[in-house]
Structure formats: structure tokens, C-alpha cells
Protein backbone atom coordinates (compact mmCIF):
# COMPACT_ATOMS: atom_id res chain seq x y z
CA MET A 1 -36.63 -78.66 98.22
CA MET A 2 -35.83 -81.11 100.98
CA CYS A 3 -32.70 -80.75 103.13
CA ARG A 4 -30.71 -83.94 103.53
CA CYS A 5 -28.83 -83.01 106.69
CA GLN A 6 -26.68 -85.69 108.22
CA PRO A 7 -27.21 -86.51 111.89
CA PRO A 8 -24.19 -85.95 114.15
CA ALA A 9 -21.62 -88.73 114.10
CA THR A 10 -22.05 -91.38 116.76
CA GLY A 11 -20.95 -89.89 120.07
CA ALA A 12 -20.91 -86.32 118.73
CA LEU A 13 -23.20 -83.76 120.35
CA THR A 14 -24.93 -80.79 118.81
CA PRO A 15 -24.18 -77.43 120.50
CA ALA A 16 -27.59 -77.52 122.22
CA ALA A 17 -27.00 -81.07 123.49
CA ARG A 18 -23.52 -80.11 124.75
CA GLY A 19 -25.04 -77.20 126.69
CA THR A 20 -27.69 -79.49 128.18
CA ARG A 21 -25.11 -82.10 129.17
CA LEU A 22 -22.81 -79.46 130.70
CA ALA A 23 -25.69 -77.99 132.73
CA ALA A 24 -26.62 -81.46 134.02
CA TYR A 25 -23.00 -82.20 134.95
CA SER A 26 -22.61 -78.84 136.68
CA ALA A 27 -25.73 -79.49 138.75
CA GLN A 28 -24.24 -82.79 139.96
CA ALA A 29 -20.89 -81.28 141.01
CA PRO A 30 -21.52 -77.62 141.87
CA THR A 31 -18.00 -76.97 143.15
CA GLY A 32 -16.33 -78.80 140.30
CA GLY A 33 -14.61 -81.26 142.61
CA ALA A 34 -15.00 -84.89 143.50
CA ASP A 35 -16.85 -84.33 146.75
CA PRO A 36 -18.76 -81.04 147.14
CA ALA A 37 -19.03 -81.64 150.89
CA VAL A 38 -15.27 -81.20 151.40
CA ASP A 39 -14.22 -78.95 148.51
CA ILE A 40 -13.52 -75.28 149.08
CA TYR A 41 -13.96 -73.04 146.04
CA ARG A 42 -13.67 -69.27 146.06
CA GLU A 43 -14.34 -67.09 143.00
CA GLY A 44 -14.24 -63.38 142.38
CA MET A 45 -11.98 -62.34 145.25
CA THR A 46 -10.47 -58.91 144.68
CA HIS A 47 -7.58 -59.50 147.10
CA LEU A 48 -5.63 -62.60 147.99
CA GLU A 49 -6.30 -63.84 151.52
CA PRO A 50 -3.21 -64.24 153.77
CA SER A 51 -3.36 -68.07 153.83
CA LEU A 52 -3.59 -68.19 150.03
CA ARG A 53 -0.87 -65.55 149.64
CA GLN A 54 1.53 -67.67 151.68
CA ARG A 55 0.98 -70.70 149.44
CA VAL A 56 1.30 -68.65 146.27
CA THR A 57 4.48 -66.86 147.32
CA GLN A 58 6.11 -70.16 148.36
CA ALA A 59 5.25 -71.93 145.09
CA ARG A 60 8.18 -72.21 142.67
CA VAL A 61 6.36 -72.44 139.33
CA ALA A 62 3.12 -71.19 137.79
CA ARG A 63 1.47 -71.23 134.38
CA LEU A 64 0.84 -68.07 132.35
CA ALA A 65 -2.16 -68.16 130.04
CA THR A 66 -2.52 -65.55 127.30
CA VAL A 67 -4.62 -65.08 124.18
CA SER A 68 -2.95 -65.23 120.76
CA PRO A 69 -3.56 -62.51 118.16
CA ALA A 70 -5.92 -64.97 116.41
CA GLY A 71 -7.84 -65.52 119.65
CA GLY A 72 -6.47 -68.93 120.61
CA PRO A 73 -5.20 -69.97 124.04
CA HIS A 74 -1.49 -70.11 124.84
CA ILE A 75 -0.05 -71.35 128.14
CA VAL A 76 3.54 -71.66 129.37
CA PRO A 77 5.19 -72.51 132.69
CA ILE A 78 6.87 -69.53 134.36
CA THR A 79 8.91 -68.50 137.35
CA PHE A 80 7.13 -65.65 139.10
CA ALA A 81 6.89 -63.36 142.09
CA VAL A 82 3.92 -61.71 143.74
CA ASP A 83 3.90 -58.11 144.93
CA GLY A 84 0.53 -57.19 146.41
CA ASP A 85 -2.04 -57.97 143.73
CA THR A 86 0.58 -57.98 140.98
CA ILE A 87 2.30 -61.03 139.50
CA VAL A 88 5.59 -60.57 137.66
CA THR A 89 7.67 -62.83 135.46
CA ALA A 90 10.64 -62.13 133.22
CA VAL A 91 12.14 -63.35 129.98
CA ASP A 92 15.37 -64.81 131.33
CA HIS A 93 18.53 -66.48 130.08
CA LYS A 94 17.15 -70.03 129.88
CA PRO A 95 17.58 -71.37 126.31
CA LYS A 96 14.79 -70.36 123.93
CA THR A 97 14.41 -70.78 120.19
CA THR A 98 13.79 -67.03 119.79
CA THR A 99 13.73 -63.85 121.84
CA ARG A 100 10.44 -62.89 120.16
CA LEU A 101 8.29 -65.06 122.43
CA GLN A 102 4.67 -65.86 121.66
CA ARG A 103 3.57 -64.71 125.12
CA LEU A 104 4.90 -61.21 124.35
CA GLU A 105 3.10 -61.05 121.00
CA ASN A 106 -0.06 -62.26 122.70
CA ILE A 107 0.03 -59.57 125.38
CA GLU A 108 0.69 -56.90 122.76
CA ALA A 109 -2.44 -58.06 120.90
CA HIS A 110 -4.62 -58.84 123.95
CA PRO A 111 -3.30 -57.25 127.17
CA VAL A 112 -4.93 -59.76 129.53
CA ALA A 113 -3.59 -62.88 131.23
CA SER A 114 -4.32 -65.53 133.81
CA VAL A 115 -1.73 -67.07 136.09
CA ILE A 116 -2.46 -70.35 137.84
CA ILE A 117 -0.41 -71.62 140.74
CA ASP A 118 -1.19 -75.14 141.91
CA HIS A 119 -0.04 -78.02 144.04
CA TYR A 120 -0.40 -81.65 143.01
CA ASP A 121 -0.09 -84.59 145.37
CA ASP A 122 -0.97 -88.24 144.86
CA ASP A 123 -2.99 -87.78 148.05
CA TRP A 124 -5.81 -85.83 146.43
CA SER A 125 -6.92 -84.43 149.77
CA ARG A 126 -3.88 -82.12 149.50
CA LEU A 127 -4.65 -80.62 146.08
CA TRP A 128 -5.10 -76.87 145.65
CA TRP A 129 -4.91 -74.11 143.07
CA VAL A 130 -5.07 -70.32 142.95
CA ARG A 131 -5.70 -68.31 139.77
CA GLY A 132 -5.13 -64.60 139.20
CA ASP A 133 -6.83 -62.96 136.21
CA GLY A 134 -5.94 -59.44 135.16
CA ASP A 135 -4.52 -56.86 132.85
CA ALA A 136 -1.07 -57.61 131.45
CA ARG A 137 1.67 -55.34 130.20
CA ILE A 138 5.25 -55.70 129.03
CA VAL A 139 7.95 -53.58 130.68
CA PHE A 140 11.35 -53.30 129.01
CA GLU A 141 13.16 -50.89 131.35
CA GLY A 142 12.79 -48.41 134.17
CA GLY A 143 11.69 -48.58 137.79
CA ASP A 144 8.91 -51.15 137.32
CA HIS A 145 11.33 -53.39 135.42
CA GLU A 146 14.00 -53.15 138.11
CA GLN A 147 11.48 -53.72 140.92
CA ALA A 148 10.14 -56.84 139.21
CA ILE A 149 13.64 -58.24 138.64
CA SER A 150 14.50 -57.58 142.29
CA ARG A 151 11.37 -59.43 143.44
CA LEU A 152 12.32 -62.39 141.24
CA ALA A 153 15.93 -62.33 142.48
CA ASP A 154 14.68 -62.31 146.08
CA LYS A 155 12.77 -65.51 145.35
CA TYR A 156 15.09 -67.43 143.00
CA GLU A 157 18.77 -67.97 143.73
CA GLN A 158 19.42 -68.49 139.99
CA TYR A 159 18.32 -64.88 139.37
CA ARG A 160 20.62 -63.61 142.10
CA ARG A 161 23.51 -65.25 140.24
CA ARG A 162 22.36 -63.98 136.85
CA ARG A 163 19.66 -61.33 136.77
CA PRO A 164 17.24 -61.55 133.83
CA ASP A 165 17.87 -58.84 131.25
CA GLY A 166 14.80 -59.44 129.09
CA PRO A 167 11.40 -57.80 129.31
CA VAL A 168 9.14 -58.27 132.31
CA ILE A 169 5.48 -59.24 132.15
CA VAL A 170 3.38 -57.54 134.81
CA VAL A 171 -0.10 -58.91 135.51
CA ALA A 172 -2.24 -56.55 137.60
CA VAL A 173 -4.68 -59.04 139.11
CA THR A 174 -8.27 -57.83 139.17
CA ARG A 175 -9.81 -61.13 140.24
CA TRP A 176 -8.57 -64.11 142.24
CA ALA A 177 -10.14 -67.57 142.33
CA SER A 178 -9.06 -70.67 144.26
CA TRP A 179 -9.96 -74.25 145.04
CA SER A 180 -8.76 -76.73 147.61
CA SER A 181 -9.80 -79.95 149.18
CA GLU A 182 -10.71 -79.29 152.80
CA GLN A 183 -7.58 -81.05 154.09
CA ALA A 184 -5.32 -78.81 152.02
CA GLU A 185 -6.37 -75.98 154.35
CA LEU A 186 -6.43 -72.88 152.22
């Protein structure tokens, strides 16, 4: 019996060809940036360096990435605070379609998360990002909840006026990674 397999559609790549193309691309741009000579990329840091910590703590918004119960990615913008190697965010009073948020269901199913804090500028020599990957948990009350809310209220005037009363997400960062153009001076 002869197999009449169809070749991939024009422009489509087989998994093996995708892997080959990705390896070739990675070899051309080892740091992932436009100019490897001026990019600064750091991976696998266990603690956030002081210069990076300053940028992260001054940033006003981040993105929280979680894994859905079915294994798919889910990402949302968040307000946040950093306390050592812990990132906290809260479910606050901003309008939402439900109080049963997908990010909470995701963390219940897969207690891991990544938080990325970045800076965009039309002058690409000023671009930077920092990512914290770690174990995530949901805190509904108690000392950890109050401490997280206080950290957020210290940072955001809106939370001083009206403290969040929803659950807190605590990400215990186990690995930091960052990238910057040289002129962004991480």
C-alpha cells in the first residue's frame, strides 16, 4: 500500500524544518536583539541586581503570565509591588466582568507564573525588560495578605484611597532574566 501524503502547504514548515530554521536564526542573533555587540542579556539570576531592582520598583505596570488548566498561556496587565524576591499583585476594585478571574483559576491549577516588567521607547537604544519566574500562590487573608496590600498602597496612590479587598497573588521568584540595549544602562 502506498501512502499519498500531501506535502506541507506553501510556506508551511515541518517540525524538523522549523527546528532547523530556529537554530539558524538563533546562531545569527545569539542575544536575541538587533545588535549583539550592544545588547545586554542576563538569564538565570537568582537575585535581582540593585540597578535592575530600581527600574522594576519604579515601573507602574507589568504583565502576569499564567498557565490555564488546559495548559494554554494567559497574560494580563497588572499593578504590582516587589518585596525582596517576591512580586505581589491584588484583585482590586477596577471593573471586571467577574470576581472569578482566569488568573486565579490558572494559579490554582498550575501554581507557577512569570511577571515581565518592561520599558518601551521609540528610541530603541532605551529599551529594557526584566522577567521574574517563580512559584505562585493566592492569599485571601492574614498577615501575608495585609503585607502585600500595604506594599501596593505604598506604591499606588489609588490603593491608599481605596485598599484592594480581593485576593492577593504572590509570586516567589526563583529565577530572574533581563535584557537591555547598552544605552538603557541596566
